[in-house]
Protein backbone atom coordinates (compact mmCIF):
# COMPACT_ATOMS: atom_id res chain seq x y z
CA MET A 1 81.15 -8.56 35.35
CA ARG A 2 79.25 -11.75 35.99
CA ASN A 3 79.52 -13.07 39.55
CA ARG A 4 78.67 -16.41 41.08
CA ILE A 5 78.46 -17.28 44.75
CA VAL A 6 78.94 -20.98 45.45
CA ASN A 7 79.08 -23.40 48.38
CA CYS A 8 76.16 -21.89 50.27
CA GLU A 9 72.78 -22.97 51.54
CA ILE A 10 70.07 -20.97 49.79
CA LEU A 11 66.84 -20.06 51.55
CA ASP A 12 64.17 -18.27 49.51
CA PRO A 13 61.66 -16.97 52.07
CA SER A 14 59.16 -16.06 49.33
CA THR A 15 58.68 -19.76 48.51
CA GLY A 16 60.14 -21.53 51.52
CA LYS A 17 62.56 -23.46 49.30
CA ARG A 18 65.87 -24.33 50.95
CA PHE A 19 68.74 -26.08 49.20
CA TRP A 20 72.50 -26.10 48.66
CA GLY A 21 73.55 -24.39 45.48
CA PHE A 22 74.83 -21.28 43.73
CA VAL A 23 73.51 -17.94 42.50
CA GLU A 24 74.89 -16.11 39.47
CA TRP A 25 74.19 -12.48 38.69
CA GLU A 26 75.13 -9.75 36.21
CA ASP A 27 74.13 -6.10 35.77
CA GLY A 28 72.31 -6.17 39.11
CA VAL A 29 69.98 -9.04 38.14
CA ILE A 30 70.06 -12.70 39.11
CA ARG A 31 70.71 -14.72 35.93
CA LYS A 32 70.98 -18.29 37.18
CA VAL A 33 70.21 -20.31 40.30
CA GLY A 34 71.41 -23.90 40.56
CA LYS A 35 71.86 -26.77 42.99
CA ALA A 36 75.13 -28.20 44.23
CA GLY A 37 75.70 -30.17 47.42
CA PRO A 38 77.64 -28.92 50.48
CA GLY A 39 81.26 -28.28 49.52
CA LEU A 40 80.52 -28.90 45.83
CA VAL A 41 81.01 -26.23 43.21
CA ASP A 42 79.23 -26.29 39.87
CA SER A 43 81.67 -25.25 37.15
CA ALA A 44 81.37 -21.58 36.17
CA ALA A 45 81.89 -20.21 32.69
CA GLU A 46 85.16 -18.48 31.87
CA GLY A 47 85.21 -14.88 33.01
CA VAL A 48 82.78 -15.41 35.90
CA GLN A 49 84.06 -14.18 39.26
CA VAL A 50 83.44 -16.93 41.84
CA ILE A 51 82.76 -16.10 45.51
CA ASP A 52 83.02 -18.86 48.10
CA GLY A 53 80.02 -18.84 50.42
CA HIS A 54 81.91 -20.99 53.00
CA GLY A 55 78.77 -22.99 53.79
CA HIS A 56 76.80 -19.98 55.03
CA LEU A 57 73.12 -19.20 54.43
CA LEU A 58 72.23 -17.07 51.40
CA THR A 59 68.95 -15.11 51.50
CA PRO A 60 67.50 -11.97 49.95
CA SER A 61 68.94 -8.85 51.54
CA LEU A 62 67.17 -7.35 54.56
CA VAL A 63 64.85 -4.36 54.37
CA ASP A 64 64.12 -2.08 57.36
CA LEU A 65 60.95 -0.05 57.76
CA TYR A 66 61.93 2.09 60.76
CA ALA A 67 65.35 3.51 61.56
CA ASP A 68 66.98 6.78 62.61
CA PHE A 69 70.26 7.87 61.00
CA CYS A 70 70.05 11.18 62.93
CA GLU A 71 70.88 13.42 59.96
CA PRO A 72 70.09 16.28 59.68
CA GLY A 73 70.55 17.61 63.18
CA LYS A 74 72.19 14.99 65.36
CA GLU A 75 75.19 13.90 63.28
CA TYR A 76 77.28 13.35 66.40
CA ARG A 77 75.10 10.29 67.05
CA GLU A 78 75.04 8.96 63.46
CA ASP A 79 74.83 10.32 59.96
CA ILE A 80 73.65 9.02 56.58
CA ALA A 81 77.13 7.69 55.70
CA SER A 82 77.79 5.89 58.98
CA GLY A 83 74.22 4.62 59.24
CA SER A 84 74.36 3.29 55.67
CA ALA A 85 77.62 1.47 56.43
CA ALA A 86 76.14 -0.01 59.60
CA ALA A 87 73.04 -1.12 57.70
CA ALA A 88 75.12 -2.81 55.01
CA ALA A 89 77.06 -4.58 57.74
CA GLY A 90 73.72 -5.79 59.08
CA GLY A 91 72.72 -7.34 55.74
CA TYR A 92 70.42 -4.52 54.67
CA SER A 93 70.01 -3.11 51.16
CA HIS A 94 67.04 -0.76 51.84
CA VAL A 95 66.23 1.32 54.94
CA LEU A 96 63.17 3.56 55.51
CA LEU A 97 64.22 6.51 57.64
CA ARG A 98 62.22 8.35 60.27
CA PRO A 99 61.30 11.94 59.33
CA ASP A 100 61.45 13.45 62.84
CA THR A 101 64.96 14.82 62.46
CA ASP A 102 66.09 18.40 63.09
CA PRO A 103 64.98 20.00 60.83
CA CYS A 104 62.28 17.47 60.14
CA VAL A 105 61.55 16.14 56.67
CA ASP A 106 58.53 18.31 55.87
CA GLY A 107 59.61 19.71 52.49
CA ALA A 108 61.13 18.65 49.18
CA ASP A 109 64.51 20.33 49.82
CA THR A 110 65.19 18.16 52.86
CA VAL A 111 64.19 15.04 50.92
CA ARG A 112 66.61 15.89 48.13
CA TYR A 113 69.36 16.61 50.69
CA ILE A 114 68.95 13.19 52.31
CA LEU A 115 68.92 11.42 48.95
CA GLU A 116 72.05 13.28 47.85
CA LEU A 117 73.89 12.16 50.98
CA ALA A 118 72.68 8.61 50.44
CA THR A 119 73.97 8.66 46.88
CA ARG A 120 77.40 9.79 48.13
CA ALA A 121 77.48 7.00 50.70
CA ASP A 122 76.35 4.47 48.06
CA ARG A 123 75.90 1.55 50.45
CA ILE A 124 72.11 1.05 50.65
CA ASP A 125 68.93 2.46 49.19
CA VAL A 126 67.97 5.14 51.72
CA LEU A 127 64.20 5.60 51.59
CA PRO A 128 63.10 8.85 53.21
CA MET A 129 59.77 9.23 55.01
CA GLY A 130 58.11 12.61 54.82
CA CYS A 131 56.27 14.27 57.65
CA LEU A 132 52.48 14.34 57.78
CA SER A 133 52.50 17.74 59.48
CA ARG A 134 54.64 20.81 59.06
CA LYS A 135 57.35 21.02 61.70
CA LEU A 136 55.74 17.94 63.35
CA GLY A 137 53.17 20.27 64.87
CA GLY A 138 50.12 18.15 64.04
CA GLU A 139 48.28 21.27 62.82
CA THR A 140 49.22 22.07 59.21
CA MET A 141 49.84 19.58 56.47
CA ALA A 142 53.39 19.20 55.20
CA GLU A 143 54.32 19.59 51.54
CA ILE A 144 53.15 16.06 50.73
CA GLY A 145 52.78 16.50 46.97
CA GLU A 146 56.20 18.09 46.52
CA MET A 147 57.85 15.50 48.75
CA SER A 148 56.23 12.73 46.74
CA VAL A 149 57.79 14.10 43.60
CA ALA A 150 61.14 14.49 45.38
CA GLY A 151 61.20 10.83 46.39
CA VAL A 152 59.63 10.09 49.77
CA ARG A 153 58.39 6.52 50.13
CA ALA A 154 55.99 6.92 53.03
CA LEU A 155 54.47 9.54 55.36
CA SER A 156 54.77 9.68 59.13
CA ASP A 157 55.35 11.97 62.08
CA GLY A 158 57.80 9.39 63.42
CA ASP A 159 57.60 8.88 67.14
CA ARG A 160 55.39 11.97 67.53
CA TRP A 161 51.72 11.51 68.44
CA VAL A 162 49.33 13.29 66.10
CA ALA A 163 46.82 14.57 68.66
CA ARG A 164 44.14 15.95 66.32
CA THR A 165 42.31 12.97 64.89
CA GLY A 166 40.51 15.12 62.34
CA PHE A 167 43.81 16.41 60.98
CA LEU A 168 45.23 12.88 60.84
CA ARG A 169 42.25 11.77 58.80
CA GLN A 170 42.77 14.57 56.30
CA ALA A 171 46.51 13.89 56.04
CA MET A 172 45.87 10.16 55.49
CA GLU A 173 43.32 10.87 52.76
CA TYR A 174 45.65 13.34 51.04
CA GLY A 175 48.68 11.04 51.27
CA ALA A 176 46.67 8.15 49.84
CA ASN A 177 46.17 10.22 46.65
CA PHE A 178 49.91 9.87 46.03
CA GLY A 179 49.97 6.13 46.78
CA LEU A 180 52.09 6.67 49.91
CA PRO A 181 51.65 4.39 52.92
CA ILE A 182 51.00 6.11 56.25
CA VAL A 183 53.34 4.92 59.04
CA LEU A 184 52.02 5.47 62.53
CA THR A 185 53.45 4.73 65.96
CA ASN A 186 50.96 3.76 68.62
CA GLU A 187 50.84 5.31 72.06
CA ASP A 188 48.26 7.76 73.38
CA PRO A 189 50.28 10.09 75.64
CA ALA A 190 47.22 11.00 77.66
CA LEU A 191 47.55 7.59 79.34
CA VAL A 192 51.29 7.68 79.79
CA ASP A 193 53.46 8.76 82.73
CA GLY A 194 56.81 7.23 81.71
CA VAL A 195 58.54 4.66 79.54
CA ALA A 196 58.47 1.46 81.59
CA HIS A 197 55.73 -1.12 81.11
CA GLU A 198 52.96 -0.76 83.67
CA GLY A 199 53.18 -4.03 85.55
CA LEU A 200 54.67 -5.81 88.55
CA VAL A 201 58.28 -4.77 87.86
CA SER A 202 57.54 -1.07 87.46
CA ALA A 203 55.43 -1.12 90.60
CA ALA A 204 58.17 -2.82 92.62
CA LYS A 205 60.87 -0.52 91.29
CA GLY A 206 58.90 2.74 91.41
CA LEU A 207 59.24 3.44 87.67
CA LYS A 208 56.98 5.79 85.73
CA THR A 209 54.91 3.80 83.29
CA SER A 210 53.21 3.32 79.95
CA PRO A 211 50.23 0.93 80.16
CA VAL A 212 49.21 -1.49 77.39
CA ALA A 213 46.00 0.53 77.18
CA ALA A 214 47.93 3.47 75.73
CA GLU A 215 48.88 1.28 72.77
CA GLU A 216 45.48 -0.39 72.52
CA VAL A 217 43.65 2.96 72.29
CA ALA A 218 46.07 4.29 69.65
CA VAL A 219 45.95 1.13 67.51
CA ALA A 220 42.15 1.14 67.62
CA ARG A 221 42.07 4.77 66.48
CA HIS A 222 44.50 4.14 63.62
CA ILE A 223 42.63 1.05 62.41
CA ALA A 224 39.39 3.00 62.43
CA LEU A 225 40.97 5.76 60.36
CA ALA A 226 42.48 3.27 57.91
CA GLU A 227 39.04 1.71 57.46
CA LEU A 228 37.45 5.13 57.01
CA THR A 229 40.00 6.61 54.58
CA GLY A 230 41.13 3.50 52.74
CA ALA A 231 44.71 4.70 53.12
CA ARG A 232 47.41 2.02 53.31
CA THR A 233 48.37 2.23 56.96
CA HIS A 234 51.40 0.69 58.62
CA LEU A 235 51.28 0.37 62.40
CA ALA A 236 54.92 0.53 63.44
CA LYS A 237 56.47 -1.08 66.50
CA LEU A 238 53.59 -2.99 68.11
CA SER A 239 54.50 -4.06 71.62
CA SER A 240 51.49 -5.84 73.11
CA ALA A 241 49.18 -8.81 72.74
CA ALA A 242 46.29 -6.34 72.73
CA GLY A 243 47.72 -4.58 69.70
CA VAL A 244 48.20 -7.88 67.94
CA ARG A 245 44.56 -8.86 68.54
CA LEU A 246 43.30 -5.61 67.06
CA VAL A 247 45.48 -5.95 63.97
CA ARG A 248 44.52 -9.59 63.45
CA ASP A 249 40.83 -8.64 63.59
CA ALA A 250 41.33 -5.67 61.24
CA LYS A 251 43.12 -7.79 58.65
CA ALA A 252 40.38 -10.40 58.80
CA ARG A 253 37.89 -7.61 57.97
CA GLY A 254 39.97 -6.45 55.01
CA VAL A 255 41.16 -3.17 56.55
CA PRO A 256 44.30 -1.97 54.64
CA VAL A 257 46.68 -2.24 57.59
CA THR A 258 50.08 -3.82 58.03
CA ALA A 259 52.16 -4.00 61.21
CA SER A 260 55.70 -4.31 62.47
CA VAL A 261 57.48 -5.04 65.72
CA SER A 262 60.84 -3.80 66.96
CA ILE A 263 63.57 -6.38 67.40
CA HIS A 264 63.89 -5.14 71.04
CA ASN A 265 60.34 -6.17 71.86
CA LEU A 266 60.99 -9.68 70.67
CA LEU A 267 64.01 -10.13 72.94
CA LEU A 268 63.33 -8.06 76.04
CA ASP A 269 60.54 -8.13 78.59
CA GLU A 270 59.68 -5.87 81.54
CA THR A 271 62.36 -7.43 83.76
CA SER A 272 65.05 -5.85 81.57
CA VAL A 273 64.64 -2.51 83.41
CA ALA A 274 64.59 -4.04 86.90
CA ASP A 275 68.19 -2.86 87.45
CA TYR A 276 67.46 0.64 86.05
CA ASP A 277 69.80 0.00 83.10
CA PRO A 278 69.43 2.98 80.70
CA MET A 279 70.59 0.75 77.81
CA CYS A 280 67.29 -1.12 78.18
CA LYS A 281 65.24 2.06 77.96
CA VAL A 282 63.53 1.65 74.60
CA TRP A 283 60.21 2.83 73.14
CA PRO A 284 57.73 1.29 73.08
CA PRO A 285 58.80 -0.33 76.37
CA ALA A 286 59.60 -4.00 76.78
CA ARG A 287 56.40 -5.40 78.13
CA ALA A 288 55.31 -8.58 79.95
CA ASP A 289 56.67 -11.88 78.71
CA GLU A 290 53.15 -12.86 77.62
CA ASP A 291 53.20 -9.86 75.26
CA ARG A 292 56.63 -10.80 73.93
CA LYS A 293 55.43 -14.33 73.16
CA ALA A 294 52.30 -13.00 71.48
CA LEU A 295 54.46 -10.82 69.25
CA LEU A 296 56.59 -13.81 68.27
CA ALA A 297 53.48 -15.82 67.47
CA ALA A 298 52.15 -12.93 65.36
CA VAL A 299 55.38 -12.84 63.33
CA SER A 300 55.10 -16.59 62.80
CA ASP A 301 51.51 -16.48 61.56
CA GLY A 302 51.94 -13.32 59.45
CA THR A 303 49.76 -10.97 61.51
CA ILE A 304 52.90 -8.90 61.95
CA ASP A 305 54.36 -8.28 58.53
CA ALA A 306 57.81 -7.01 59.40
CA ILE A 307 60.47 -6.85 62.08
CA VAL A 308 62.13 -3.42 62.26
CA SER A 309 65.43 -2.44 63.75
CA ASP A 310 64.16 0.79 65.30
CA HIS A 311 67.86 1.78 65.07
CA ALA A 312 68.34 4.74 67.39
CA PRO A 313 72.03 5.43 68.10
CA ARG A 314 72.88 7.62 71.04
CA ALA A 315 76.03 9.23 72.42
CA ILE A 316 77.28 7.77 75.69
CA GLU A 317 76.37 10.96 77.61
CA ASP A 318 72.73 10.40 76.56
CA LYS A 319 72.71 7.11 78.42
CA GLU A 320 75.11 7.48 81.36
CA VAL A 321 72.55 9.26 83.53
CA GLU A 322 69.80 8.06 85.85
CA PHE A 323 67.06 6.00 84.21
CA ASP A 324 64.35 8.66 84.16
CA LEU A 325 66.65 11.17 82.45
CA ALA A 326 68.32 8.83 79.94
CA SER A 327 67.42 9.01 76.26
CA ARG A 328 65.31 6.16 75.03
CA GLY A 329 66.41 4.00 72.11
CA ALA A 330 69.11 1.54 71.15
CA LEU A 331 71.37 0.97 68.20
CA SER A 332 70.36 -2.25 66.48
CA ILE A 333 70.62 -2.28 62.72
CA GLU A 334 73.80 -4.43 62.78
CA LEU A 335 72.29 -6.80 65.33
CA VAL A 336 68.89 -7.71 63.94
CA PHE A 337 69.90 -10.90 62.22
CA THR A 338 72.11 -11.95 65.15
CA LEU A 339 69.26 -11.46 67.59
CA LEU A 340 66.78 -13.28 65.35
CA ASN A 341 69.30 -16.13 65.19
CA ARG A 342 69.30 -16.23 68.99
CA LEU A 343 65.54 -16.63 68.99
CA VAL A 344 65.70 -19.36 66.35
CA LEU A 345 68.42 -21.26 68.21
CA ALA A 346 66.36 -20.97 71.40
CA GLY A 347 63.39 -22.51 69.62
CA GLU A 348 61.19 -19.41 70.09
CA ILE A 349 60.56 -18.91 66.38
CA GLU A 350 61.29 -20.82 63.16
CA LEU A 351 63.97 -19.51 60.80
CA LEU A 352 61.65 -19.12 57.80
CA PRO A 353 59.07 -16.72 59.30
CA ALA A 354 61.84 -14.81 61.06
CA LEU A 355 63.62 -14.16 57.78
CA ARG A 356 60.41 -13.55 55.90
CA ALA A 357 59.67 -10.69 58.29
CA VAL A 358 62.93 -8.90 57.41
CA THR A 359 62.98 -9.68 53.67
CA VAL A 360 59.65 -10.37 51.99
CA GLY A 361 57.29 -8.64 54.43
CA PRO A 362 58.92 -5.19 54.42
CA ARG A 363 59.22 -5.24 50.62
CA ARG A 364 55.49 -5.94 50.30
CA VAL A 365 54.64 -3.06 52.66
CA LEU A 366 56.58 -0.60 50.50
CA GLY A 367 56.08 -2.23 47.10
CA ILE A 368 59.79 -2.91 46.63
CA GLU A 369 60.71 -5.43 43.98
CA GLY A 370 62.67 -8.52 45.06
CA GLY A 371 62.62 -10.71 48.13
CA ALA A 372 63.08 -13.86 46.07
CA ILE A 373 66.12 -15.78 44.84
CA ALA A 374 65.22 -16.56 41.24
CA ALA A 375 66.34 -15.67 37.75
CA GLY A 376 65.19 -12.20 36.74
CA LYS A 377 64.95 -10.90 40.31
CA PRO A 378 67.18 -8.09 41.67
CA ALA A 379 70.56 -9.29 42.92
CA ASP A 380 69.97 -8.03 46.44
CA LEU A 381 71.43 -10.71 48.68
CA ALA A 382 72.78 -11.35 52.18
CA LEU A 383 75.21 -14.12 53.15
CA LEU A 384 74.52 -15.04 56.77
CA ASP A 385 76.82 -16.90 59.13
CA ARG A 386 74.65 -18.67 61.70
CA ALA A 387 77.38 -20.28 63.79
CA SER A 388 80.31 -18.04 64.63
CA THR A 389 80.48 -16.37 68.04
CA TRP A 390 81.45 -12.78 68.72
CA VAL A 391 80.97 -9.95 71.21
CA ALA A 392 79.30 -6.65 70.28
CA ASP A 393 81.33 -3.65 71.32
CA ALA A 394 82.85 -0.49 69.84
CA SER A 395 85.54 -2.46 68.07
CA THR A 396 83.13 -4.85 66.35
CA LEU A 397 80.28 -2.48 65.38
CA VAL A 398 80.26 0.04 62.54
CA SER A 399 77.61 2.39 63.94
CA ARG A 400 78.70 5.51 65.81
CA GLY A 401 76.28 4.65 68.57
CA CYS A 402 77.33 2.93 71.78
CA ASN A 403 73.91 2.10 73.25
CA SER A 404 72.57 -1.43 73.18
CA PRO A 405 71.27 -3.83 75.85
CA PHE A 406 73.38 -6.50 74.13
CA LEU A 407 76.82 -4.87 74.32
CA GLY A 408 79.35 -7.19 75.90
CA GLN A 409 77.23 -10.26 75.36
CA ARG A 410 78.36 -13.40 73.54
CA LEU A 411 76.39 -13.45 70.28
CA VAL A 412 76.04 -16.19 67.69
CA GLY A 413 75.89 -15.49 63.97
CA ARG A 414 76.20 -12.36 61.87
CA PRO A 415 76.04 -11.22 58.24
CA GLU A 416 79.17 -12.00 56.26
CA MET A 417 78.37 -10.21 53.00
CA THR A 418 75.75 -7.89 51.53
CA VAL A 419 75.04 -7.49 47.83
CA ARG A 420 72.95 -4.58 46.54
CA ARG A 421 71.98 -4.54 42.90
CA GLY A 422 74.81 -6.93 42.13
CA ARG A 423 77.55 -4.97 43.92
CA VAL A 424 79.11 -6.13 47.17
CA THR A 425 78.47 -3.29 49.66
CA PHE A 426 79.82 -5.11 52.70
CA SER A 427 82.24 -8.01 53.14
CA ARG A 428 83.32 -9.04 56.58
CA ALA A 429 86.34 -10.87 55.10
CA GLN A 430 87.55 -7.57 53.61
CA ALA A 431 86.72 -5.65 56.79
CA ARG A 432 88.94 -7.84 58.95
């Protein structure tokens, strides 16, 4: 059936064009894009199903480069089905999943298992990452070739540090043969004592720390290896101005690196843990406000290519303990747009670069088609309400997790509808 969404403001982050109009699609492909003023509806042909956009913002659907759906192994926190539903509710059509599950994704059978569960859920395109090393041990290479055939879209050891630099070089070189990007997180544990930012707050509160230098050393190593091997390397979850400077320099020299930042590190700074709130225990840690502002500036100028959810749902018993013992991580995949909207409304970032970093940028990192609203492009769309207010809690979130620094807060804006390959995978109106 041919569908047309009308009465919406269209923002195409690939071109920067913004106008009131309509989008028509059929068989998963956009067929027509037109202009019509606010409240006006261009007449549709007979047999076309019309969807009222209610004056909301229509953009390409969101794409996430780093999330944990906890399956296999920790299904009591989240599973592929619930994570996919939460992602669709957050405006996402594609999500790249961490491989450091239990068992980890180090062989083709696990890849096929994840893709089968994703097909059953049928909400988003689940994109598995495969491990670099067998059993995340950092010693023996995983079955990279077989996993490539099975459908992995990138290689990573997730939040694990690959200690042997020589092994990492070999794995990057081998993975590059299959055209797979290498996704690396950036903290040298030899410099780390805890998960709070090393600064004035941690010193005053007696918290164990992770200094900026731990990220700086790791980022420098990974950039050097990317330059040496030529492997497409994605530096996930930068948290510091120092990391941004290194990436900016590497890009200027033509090193094949891209970078992302977690939504948490754009909103939170080191003061978030001053009250020992385990909900604010995330990794990498929220750093100084100067770092946070440097990250926002790097998103705006394109040094940082993508904003990731770093969705990490936890059970309440994982968080309701003292700060040092609490699990790190926060659920977030349903909140990314809402939190970006907060930053835009506060004047900390412009809407266009914010949306570009969750639509166009992640697609370019993975080579996914789309990210534009134009005839012939995939009908992967998100309808975003930028004005309504709501409170995030167990009754308003889809995820099984109950861990977020933003629970109970008054939030402004949220996705109203998600379209994946022409099919509505989430509608808030139908969910009410």
